[in-house]
N, C-alpha and C. Protein backbone atom coordinates (compact mmCIF):
# COMPACT_ATOMS: atom_id res chain seq x y z
N MET A 1 -15.23 46.22 -10.06
CA MET A 1 -15.91 47.02 -10.41
C MET A 1 -15.99 46.76 -11.66
N PRO A 2 -17.25 46.94 -12.30
CA PRO A 2 -17.65 46.65 -13.56
C PRO A 2 -16.49 47.79 -15.02
N GLY A 3 -16.28 47.50 -15.81
CA GLY A 3 -15.48 48.11 -16.61
C GLY A 3 -16.60 49.02 -17.64
N SER A 4 -17.68 48.65 -17.99
CA SER A 4 -19.14 48.56 -18.92
C SER A 4 -20.05 48.72 -18.30
N GLY A 5 -21.00 49.39 -18.81
CA GLY A 5 -22.51 49.68 -18.54
C GLY A 5 -22.94 48.09 -18.61
N LYS A 6 -22.44 47.35 -19.27
CA LYS A 6 -23.32 46.51 -18.88
C LYS A 6 -23.06 44.59 -18.07
N GLN A 7 -22.12 44.86 -17.13
CA GLN A 7 -21.31 44.42 -16.58
C GLN A 7 -21.77 44.86 -14.99
N ARG A 8 -22.09 43.71 -14.12
CA ARG A 8 -22.56 43.71 -12.97
C ARG A 8 -21.49 44.02 -11.81
N TYR A 9 -21.72 44.33 -10.66
CA TYR A 9 -20.71 44.55 -9.55
C TYR A 9 -21.34 43.01 -8.78
N CYS A 10 -20.27 42.47 -8.05
CA CYS A 10 -20.83 41.33 -7.71
C CYS A 10 -19.98 41.25 -6.16
N GLY A 11 -20.82 42.44 -5.61
CA GLY A 11 -20.69 42.69 -4.41
C GLY A 11 -20.26 41.90 -3.19
N LEU A 12 -20.95 41.06 -3.69
CA LEU A 12 -21.12 39.46 -2.00
C LEU A 12 -19.78 39.11 -2.43
N LYS A 13 -20.13 38.29 -3.22
CA LYS A 13 -18.28 38.02 -4.00
C LYS A 13 -17.36 38.24 -3.82
N CYS A 14 -17.34 39.28 -4.20
CA CYS A 14 -16.01 40.31 -4.12
C CYS A 14 -14.99 40.25 -2.91
N TYR A 15 -16.75 41.00 -2.28
CA TYR A 15 -16.10 41.42 -0.62
C TYR A 15 -16.05 40.01 0.53
N GLN A 16 -16.83 38.96 0.14
CA GLN A 16 -16.35 37.19 0.51
C GLN A 16 -14.98 36.89 0.37
N ALA A 17 -14.74 37.16 -1.19
CA ALA A 17 -13.27 36.26 -1.37
C ALA A 17 -12.17 38.29 -0.42
N ALA A 18 -12.47 39.12 -0.09
CA ALA A 18 -11.80 39.88 0.54
C ALA A 18 -11.62 39.85 1.43
N TYR A 19 -12.17 39.21 2.40
CA TYR A 19 -12.55 39.27 3.79
C TYR A 19 -11.71 37.84 4.04
N ASN A 20 -11.90 36.83 3.16
CA ASN A 20 -11.61 35.07 3.26
C ASN A 20 -9.67 35.78 3.43
N ALA A 21 -10.02 36.27 2.49
CA ALA A 21 -8.00 36.73 2.09
C ALA A 21 -7.52 37.27 3.31
N ALA A 22 -7.90 38.45 3.92
CA ALA A 22 -7.65 39.15 5.41
C ALA A 22 -7.89 38.55 6.22
N LYS A 23 -8.60 37.37 6.31
CA LYS A 23 -8.96 36.64 7.65
C LYS A 23 -8.01 35.54 7.71
N ARG A 24 -7.76 34.87 6.81
CA ARG A 24 -7.50 33.56 6.70
C ARG A 24 -6.97 32.96 7.90
N ASP A 25 -5.62 33.66 8.50
CA ASP A 25 -5.65 32.95 9.87
C ASP A 25 -6.73 32.47 11.24
N ARG A 26 -7.15 33.55 11.23
CA ARG A 26 -8.27 33.65 11.93
C ARG A 26 -9.89 32.39 12.12
N ILE A 27 -9.64 32.30 10.27
CA ILE A 27 -10.60 31.55 10.30
C ILE A 27 -10.03 30.10 10.08
N ALA A 28 -8.49 29.93 10.46
CA ALA A 28 -8.40 28.42 10.36
C ALA A 28 -8.16 28.67 11.87
N LYS A 29 -8.21 28.90 12.60
CA LYS A 29 -7.67 28.70 14.07
C LYS A 29 -9.65 27.95 14.49
N ARG A 30 -10.19 29.22 13.94
CA ARG A 30 -12.03 28.56 14.37
C ARG A 30 -12.10 27.29 13.80
N ASN A 31 -11.87 27.00 12.61
CA ASN A 31 -12.37 25.66 11.57
C ASN A 31 -11.43 24.59 12.46
N ALA A 32 -10.33 24.92 13.11
CA ALA A 32 -9.79 23.87 13.34
C ALA A 32 -10.25 23.39 15.18
N ALA A 33 -10.33 24.62 15.79
CA ALA A 33 -11.21 24.46 17.08
C ALA A 33 -12.30 23.73 16.73
N TYR A 34 -13.27 24.02 15.74
CA TYR A 34 -14.18 23.44 15.39
C TYR A 34 -14.12 21.84 15.70
N ASN A 35 -13.41 21.66 14.33
CA ASN A 35 -12.65 19.85 13.86
C ASN A 35 -12.56 19.73 14.89
N ALA A 36 -11.78 20.40 15.90
CA ALA A 36 -11.47 19.31 17.24
C ALA A 36 -12.29 19.02 17.82
N ALA A 37 -13.24 20.30 18.31
CA ALA A 37 -14.08 19.60 18.92
C ALA A 37 -15.75 18.88 18.68
N HIS A 38 -15.86 18.47 17.13
CA HIS A 38 -16.35 17.30 16.81
C HIS A 38 -15.68 16.75 16.41
N ARG A 39 -15.16 16.01 16.62
CA ARG A 39 -13.90 14.99 15.71
C ARG A 39 -14.77 13.71 15.84
N ASP A 40 -15.51 13.21 16.98
CA ASP A 40 -15.65 11.99 17.03
C ASP A 40 -17.78 11.88 15.89
N GLU A 41 -18.15 13.19 16.07
CA GLU A 41 -19.66 13.09 15.13
C GLU A 41 -18.84 13.53 13.83
N ARG A 42 -18.02 13.90 13.31
CA ARG A 42 -17.37 13.94 11.67
C ARG A 42 -17.40 12.58 11.64
N ALA A 43 -16.43 11.88 12.63
CA ALA A 43 -16.34 10.28 11.92
C ALA A 43 -17.71 10.00 12.12
N LYS A 44 -18.11 9.67 12.66
CA LYS A 44 -19.48 8.58 12.91
C LYS A 44 -20.46 8.98 11.52
N TYR A 45 -20.15 10.32 11.26
CA TYR A 45 -20.88 11.12 9.41
C TYR A 45 -20.19 10.40 8.44
N HIS A 46 -19.02 10.29 8.63
CA HIS A 46 -18.07 10.01 7.36
C HIS A 46 -18.15 8.44 7.18
N ALA A 47 -18.00 7.92 8.51
CA ALA A 47 -18.07 6.34 8.37
C ALA A 47 -19.55 6.04 7.53
N ALA A 48 -20.59 6.12 8.94
CA ALA A 48 -21.89 6.39 7.52
C ALA A 48 -22.01 6.52 6.29
N TYR A 49 -21.27 7.43 5.95
CA TYR A 49 -21.61 7.65 4.49
C TYR A 49 -20.35 6.73 3.59
N ARG A 50 -19.73 6.66 4.07
CA ARG A 50 -19.00 5.41 3.45
C ARG A 50 -19.54 3.96 3.29
N ALA A 51 -20.14 3.59 4.22
CA ALA A 51 -21.01 2.32 4.56
C ALA A 51 -22.26 2.46 3.75
N ALA A 52 -22.74 3.41 3.57
CA ALA A 52 -24.22 4.03 2.65
C ALA A 52 -23.51 4.01 0.74
N HIS A 53 -22.46 4.77 0.66
CA HIS A 53 -21.71 4.63 -0.55
C HIS A 53 -20.47 3.86 -1.34
N ARG A 54 -20.56 2.60 -0.19
CA ARG A 54 -19.19 1.77 -1.13
C ARG A 54 -19.26 1.19 -1.88
N ASP A 55 -20.48 0.62 -2.36
CA ASP A 55 -20.46 0.07 -3.70
C ASP A 55 -20.37 0.83 -4.89
N GLU A 56 -21.01 2.14 -4.51
CA GLU A 56 -21.15 3.30 -5.68
C GLU A 56 -19.14 3.37 -5.54
N ARG A 57 -18.50 3.59 -4.28
CA ARG A 57 -17.07 4.77 -4.63
C ARG A 57 -16.22 3.67 -4.90
N ALA A 58 -16.69 2.21 -5.02
CA ALA A 58 -15.52 1.00 -5.58
C ALA A 58 -15.75 0.68 -6.59
N LYS A 59 -16.97 1.45 -7.11
CA LYS A 59 -17.15 0.83 -9.11
C LYS A 59 -16.43 2.40 -9.25
N TYR A 60 -16.81 3.34 -8.66
CA TYR A 60 -16.00 4.79 -9.13
C TYR A 60 -14.47 4.34 -9.24
N HIS A 61 -13.77 3.74 -8.01
CA HIS A 61 -12.34 4.03 -8.19
C HIS A 61 -11.72 2.70 -8.71
N ALA A 62 -12.86 1.47 -9.16
CA ALA A 62 -11.92 0.84 -10.35
C ALA A 62 -12.41 1.20 -11.33
N ALA A 63 -13.16 2.11 -12.11
CA ALA A 63 -13.37 2.46 -12.84
C ALA A 63 -11.66 3.17 -13.04
N TYR A 64 -11.76 4.07 -12.47
CA TYR A 64 -10.41 5.15 -12.14
C TYR A 64 -9.26 4.73 -12.25
N ARG A 65 -9.05 3.20 -12.01
CA ARG A 65 -7.70 2.77 -11.96
C ARG A 65 -7.07 2.37 -13.24
N ALA A 66 -8.74 1.69 -14.00
CA ALA A 66 -8.40 0.99 -15.12
C ALA A 66 -8.55 2.11 -16.15
N ALA A 67 -8.67 3.30 -15.89
CA ALA A 67 -8.67 4.30 -17.20
C ALA A 67 -6.87 4.73 -16.82
N ASN A 68 -6.23 5.02 -15.59
CA ASN A 68 -5.43 5.38 -15.47
C ASN A 68 -4.35 4.48 -15.24
N ARG A 69 -4.20 3.34 -15.48
CA ARG A 69 -3.48 1.98 -14.79
C ARG A 69 -1.98 2.39 -15.07
N ASP A 70 -1.79 2.49 -16.09
CA ASP A 70 -0.36 3.06 -16.33
C ASP A 70 0.70 4.38 -15.81
N ARG A 71 -0.18 5.66 -15.69
CA ARG A 71 0.04 6.16 -15.07
C ARG A 71 0.18 6.20 -13.55
N ILE A 72 -0.35 5.23 -13.15
CA ILE A 72 -0.38 4.81 -11.42
C ILE A 72 0.45 4.05 -11.52
N ALA A 73 1.07 3.30 -12.31
CA ALA A 73 2.29 1.92 -11.95
C ALA A 73 3.66 3.20 -11.87
N LYS A 74 3.42 3.85 -12.95
CA LYS A 74 4.75 4.69 -13.35
C LYS A 74 5.01 5.66 -12.30
N SER A 75 3.78 6.12 -11.55
CA SER A 75 3.94 6.60 -10.45
C SER A 75 4.43 6.18 -9.22
N GLN A 76 3.80 4.77 -8.66
CA GLN A 76 4.29 4.07 -8.09
C GLN A 76 6.11 3.72 -8.36
N ALA A 77 6.36 3.14 -9.17
CA ALA A 77 7.73 2.94 -9.35
C ALA A 77 8.52 3.81 -9.15
N ALA A 78 8.27 4.58 -9.56
CA ALA A 78 9.14 6.38 -9.36
C ALA A 78 9.08 6.69 -7.67
N TYR A 79 7.84 6.61 -7.32
CA TYR A 79 8.04 6.17 -5.88
C TYR A 79 8.94 5.36 -4.71
N HIS A 80 9.01 3.98 -5.31
CA HIS A 80 9.67 3.04 -4.51
C HIS A 80 11.05 3.23 -5.09
N ALA A 81 11.18 4.03 -6.28
CA ALA A 81 12.82 3.97 -6.52
C ALA A 81 13.18 5.39 -5.69
N ALA A 82 12.64 6.23 -5.18
CA ALA A 82 12.82 6.76 -4.62
C ALA A 82 13.23 7.16 -3.62
N ASN A 83 12.16 6.19 -2.76
CA ASN A 83 12.11 5.84 -1.39
C ASN A 83 12.37 4.54 -1.46
N ARG A 84 13.07 3.86 -1.36
CA ARG A 84 13.54 2.24 -1.86
C ARG A 84 13.68 2.31 -0.30
N HIS A 85 14.96 2.52 0.32
CA HIS A 85 15.52 2.35 1.61
C HIS A 85 14.20 2.97 3.06
N LYS A 86 13.64 4.06 2.64
CA LYS A 86 12.87 4.43 3.41
C LYS A 86 11.90 3.17 3.26
N ILE A 87 11.33 2.40 2.36
CA ILE A 87 10.43 1.71 2.52
C ILE A 87 10.59 0.07 3.14
N ALA A 88 12.08 -0.17 3.00
CA ALA A 88 12.64 -1.16 3.31
C ALA A 88 13.21 -0.94 5.22
N LYS A 89 13.52 0.45 5.29
CA LYS A 89 13.01 0.21 6.78
C LYS A 89 11.58 0.10 7.57
N ARG A 90 10.86 0.47 6.78
CA ARG A 90 9.61 0.56 7.05
C ARG A 90 9.14 -0.85 7.21
N LYS A 91 9.41 -1.74 6.70
CA LYS A 91 9.16 -2.72 6.35
C LYS A 91 9.52 -3.82 7.56
N ALA A 92 10.94 -3.25 7.68
CA ALA A 92 11.34 -4.47 8.80
C ALA A 92 11.02 -4.09 9.62
N ALA A 93 11.05 -2.73 10.45
CA ALA A 93 9.82 -2.41 11.72
C ALA A 93 8.97 -3.07 11.46
N HIS A 94 7.78 -3.41 10.38
CA HIS A 94 6.56 -3.80 11.11
C HIS A 94 6.96 -5.13 11.04
N ARG A 95 7.96 -6.20 10.31
CA ARG A 95 7.83 -7.19 10.86
C ARG A 95 8.56 -7.66 12.19
N ALA A 96 9.10 -7.18 12.81
CA ALA A 96 9.90 -7.14 13.68
C ALA A 96 8.53 -7.20 14.80
N ALA A 97 8.17 -6.02 14.95
CA ALA A 97 6.62 -5.56 15.68
C ALA A 97 5.65 -6.91 15.68
N ASN A 98 5.52 -7.47 14.43
CA ASN A 98 4.60 -8.30 13.99
C ASN A 98 4.72 -9.41 14.27
N ARG A 99 6.32 -10.22 13.94
CA ARG A 99 6.31 -11.58 13.74
C ARG A 99 5.55 -12.49 14.34
N ASP A 100 5.09 -12.49 15.60
CA ASP A 100 4.29 -13.51 15.87
C ASP A 100 3.19 -13.60 14.76
N LYS A 101 2.33 -12.69 15.01
CA LYS A 101 1.46 -12.16 14.18
C LYS A 101 0.94 -13.09 12.52
N ILE A 102 2.78 -12.68 12.07
CA ILE A 102 2.97 -12.97 10.73
C ILE A 102 3.49 -14.48 10.97
N ALA A 103 3.82 -15.13 11.37
CA ALA A 103 3.75 -16.39 11.49
C ALA A 103 2.87 -17.37 11.69
N LYS A 104 1.90 -16.61 12.82
CA LYS A 104 0.76 -17.47 12.79
C LYS A 104 -0.42 -17.18 11.49
N TYR A 105 -0.23 -16.10 10.85
CA TYR A 105 -1.11 -15.57 9.90
C TYR A 105 -0.85 -16.98 8.55
N LYS A 106 0.77 -16.78 8.64
CA LYS A 106 1.11 -17.67 6.98
C LYS A 106 0.60 -19.01 7.63
N ALA A 107 1.38 -19.52 8.99
CA ALA A 107 1.06 -21.31 9.35
C ALA A 107 -0.74 -21.61 9.21
N ALA A 108 -1.31 -20.78 9.35
CA ALA A 108 -3.06 -20.52 8.97
C ALA A 108 -3.29 -21.22 8.04
N TYR A 109 -2.29 -19.93 6.69
CA TYR A 109 -3.21 -20.16 5.18
C TYR A 109 -2.19 -21.27 4.69
N ARG A 110 -1.11 -21.76 5.64
CA ARG A 110 -0.47 -23.13 4.68
C ARG A 110 -1.05 -23.88 5.14
N ALA A 111 -1.86 -23.92 6.34
CA ALA A 111 -2.81 -25.00 6.99
C ALA A 111 -4.44 -25.12 5.55
N ALA A 112 -4.61 -24.16 5.75
CA ALA A 112 -5.55 -24.18 4.77
C ALA A 112 -5.63 -24.22 3.26
N ASN A 113 -4.38 -23.96 3.05
CA ASN A 113 -4.17 -23.87 0.88
C ASN A 113 -3.24 -25.01 1.30
N ARG A 114 -3.10 -25.96 1.92
CA ARG A 114 -1.79 -27.17 1.23
C ARG A 114 -1.83 -27.57 0.21
N ASP A 115 -3.04 -28.34 -0.13
CA ASP A 115 -3.23 -29.24 -1.47
C ASP A 115 -2.80 -27.95 -2.54
N LYS A 116 -3.40 -26.74 -2.51
CA LYS A 116 -3.32 -25.57 -3.52
C LYS A 116 -1.76 -25.32 -3.59
N ILE A 117 -1.14 -24.96 -2.36
CA ILE A 117 0.11 -24.41 -2.68
C ILE A 117 1.19 -25.87 -3.53
N ALA A 118 1.05 -27.43 -2.67
CA ALA A 118 1.35 -28.44 -3.47
C ALA A 118 1.31 -28.51 -4.91
N LYS A 119 -0.13 -27.98 -5.40
CA LYS A 119 0.07 -28.04 -6.69
C LYS A 119 0.45 -27.33 -7.80
N TYR A 120 0.44 -25.85 -6.94
CA TYR A 120 1.67 -24.79 -7.87
C TYR A 120 3.05 -25.13 -7.74
N LYS A 121 3.47 -26.07 -6.24
CA LYS A 121 4.71 -26.45 -6.58
C LYS A 121 5.01 -26.95 -7.50
N ALA A 122 4.58 -27.70 -7.74
CA ALA A 122 4.46 -29.06 -8.60
C ALA A 122 4.37 -28.23 -9.97
N ALA A 123 4.03 -27.39 -9.87
CA ALA A 123 3.99 -27.16 -11.67
C ALA A 123 5.07 -26.10 -11.96
N TYR A 124 5.56 -25.41 -10.93
CA TYR A 124 6.37 -24.79 -10.91
C TYR A 124 7.97 -25.51 -11.38
N HIS A 125 7.96 -26.87 -10.82
CA HIS A 125 8.98 -28.04 -10.68
C HIS A 125 9.07 -28.58 -12.47
N ALA A 126 7.62 -28.60 -12.28
CA ALA A 126 7.47 -29.28 -13.78
C ALA A 126 8.15 -28.34 -14.80
N ALA A 127 7.60 -27.13 -14.67
CA ALA A 127 7.74 -25.98 -16.08
C ALA A 127 9.27 -25.68 -15.57
N ASN A 128 10.33 -25.26 -14.75
CA ASN A 128 11.15 -25.17 -14.61
C ASN A 128 12.47 -26.48 -14.00
N ARG A 129 12.21 -27.41 -14.53
CA ARG A 129 12.89 -28.28 -14.26
C ARG A 129 14.51 -27.79 -14.66
N ASP A 130 14.72 -27.53 -15.45
CA ASP A 130 16.57 -27.53 -16.45
C ASP A 130 16.65 -26.48 -15.52
N LYS A 131 16.11 -25.51 -15.34
CA LYS A 131 16.81 -23.85 -14.37
C LYS A 131 16.78 -23.98 -13.16
N ILE A 132 16.27 -25.24 -12.52
CA ILE A 132 16.14 -25.23 -11.08
C ILE A 132 17.42 -26.45 -10.82
N ALA A 133 17.63 -27.46 -11.76
CA ALA A 133 18.48 -28.35 -11.50
C ALA A 133 19.95 -27.70 -11.87
N LYS A 134 20.22 -26.59 -13.05
CA LYS A 134 21.44 -25.55 -13.05
C LYS A 134 21.80 -25.00 -11.94
N ARG A 135 20.83 -24.12 -10.97
CA ARG A 135 20.86 -23.58 -10.19
C ARG A 135 21.33 -24.11 -9.19
N LYS A 136 20.82 -25.42 -8.74
CA LYS A 136 21.53 -26.00 -7.63
C LYS A 136 22.79 -26.52 -7.76
N ALA A 137 22.88 -27.25 -9.03
CA ALA A 137 24.82 -27.82 -9.62
C ALA A 137 25.02 -26.39 -9.35
N ALA A 138 24.96 -24.94 -9.64
CA ALA A 138 25.64 -24.36 -9.25
C ALA A 138 25.86 -23.99 -8.29
N TYR A 139 24.81 -24.15 -6.93
CA TYR A 139 25.31 -24.36 -5.88
C TYR A 139 26.36 -25.45 -5.46
N ARG A 140 25.77 -26.08 -5.50
CA ARG A 140 26.92 -27.02 -5.22
C ARG A 140 28.02 -27.25 -5.29
N ALA A 141 28.61 -26.77 -6.36
CA ALA A 141 29.74 -26.51 -7.21
C ALA A 141 30.65 -25.23 -6.10
N ALA A 142 29.52 -24.46 -5.81
CA ALA A 142 30.34 -23.50 -5.24
C ALA A 142 30.47 -23.67 -3.75
N ASN A 143 29.74 -24.65 -3.34
CA ASN A 143 29.51 -24.46 -1.17
C ASN A 143 30.49 -25.90 -1.38
N LEU A 144 31.34 -26.64 -2.12
CA LEU A 144 31.45 -28.22 -2.23
C LEU A 144 32.07 -28.24 -0.54
N ASP A 145 33.17 -27.50 -0.36
CA ASP A 145 33.75 -27.87 1.00
C ASP A 145 32.39 -27.63 1.90
N ARG A 146 31.58 -26.43 2.08
CA ARG A 146 30.88 -26.36 2.83
C ARG A 146 30.01 -27.65 3.08
N LEU A 147 29.60 -28.23 2.15
CA LEU A 147 28.41 -29.35 1.90
C LEU A 147 29.55 -30.41 2.41
N LYS A 148 30.35 -30.80 2.15
CA LYS A 148 31.16 -32.02 2.74
C LYS A 148 30.62 -32.11 4.07
N GLN A 149 30.94 -31.28 4.88
CA GLN A 149 31.76 -30.80 6.48
C GLN A 149 30.18 -30.83 7.23
N LEU A 150 28.89 -30.31 6.35
CA LEU A 150 27.47 -30.48 7.13
C LEU A 150 27.34 -31.87 7.55
N THR A 151 26.98 -32.11 8.81
CA THR A 151 26.37 -33.40 9.61
C THR A 151 24.98 -32.71 9.66
N THR A 152 23.68 -33.98 9.76
CA THR A 152 22.52 -34.19 9.77
C THR A 152 22.32 -34.46 11.37
N ARG A 153 21.56 -34.59 12.00
CA ARG A 153 20.71 -34.91 13.27
C ARG A 153 21.63 -36.00 14.12
N ARG A 154 21.71 -36.99 12.68
CA ARG A 154 21.65 -38.14 12.92
C ARG A 154 23.12 -38.56 13.29
N GLY A 155 24.22 -37.78 12.41
CA GLY A 155 25.65 -37.96 12.27
C GLY A 155 26.15 -38.00 10.82
N GLY A 156 24.98 -38.33 10.22
CA GLY A 156 25.34 -38.75 8.75
C GLY A 156 25.86 -37.71 7.53
N ARG A 157 25.88 -38.04 6.74
CA ARG A 157 25.91 -37.47 5.58
C ARG A 157 27.62 -37.13 5.08
N LYS A 158 28.83 -37.95 5.48
CA LYS A 158 29.70 -38.47 4.84
C LYS A 158 30.07 -39.16 4.05
């Protein structure tokens, strides 16, 4: 109700808010039933909308990510730190379920990018020659006994 003569009573708005508050459960049930009955229609509509506005949405998301890069990185780091075990479990399950598909994908990638991979490897080895040599020397020193016992398929290495 208005407090002074200058204010107007917002009849419909106030009535609608009170009605929605009182009938919240009934409205939620009705909406859920409607959504369930029209799921395919709505999916088609949303797919068409996304297809029609793909470029516009991509531009918007790119701008948002650029403007909020630090905040997003911080948030993702916190999520990964808090859920490390859950994420590892999910990844392991995915790899186990899709082992063949992943192997096929990797083989196809290696075959298609053989030259690029060789170039990257050569560049890495050239840039990190000393570090690699140290790591190999440390490994050999730590595993000398085991390495002496190894044999190749031809029966060599002794």
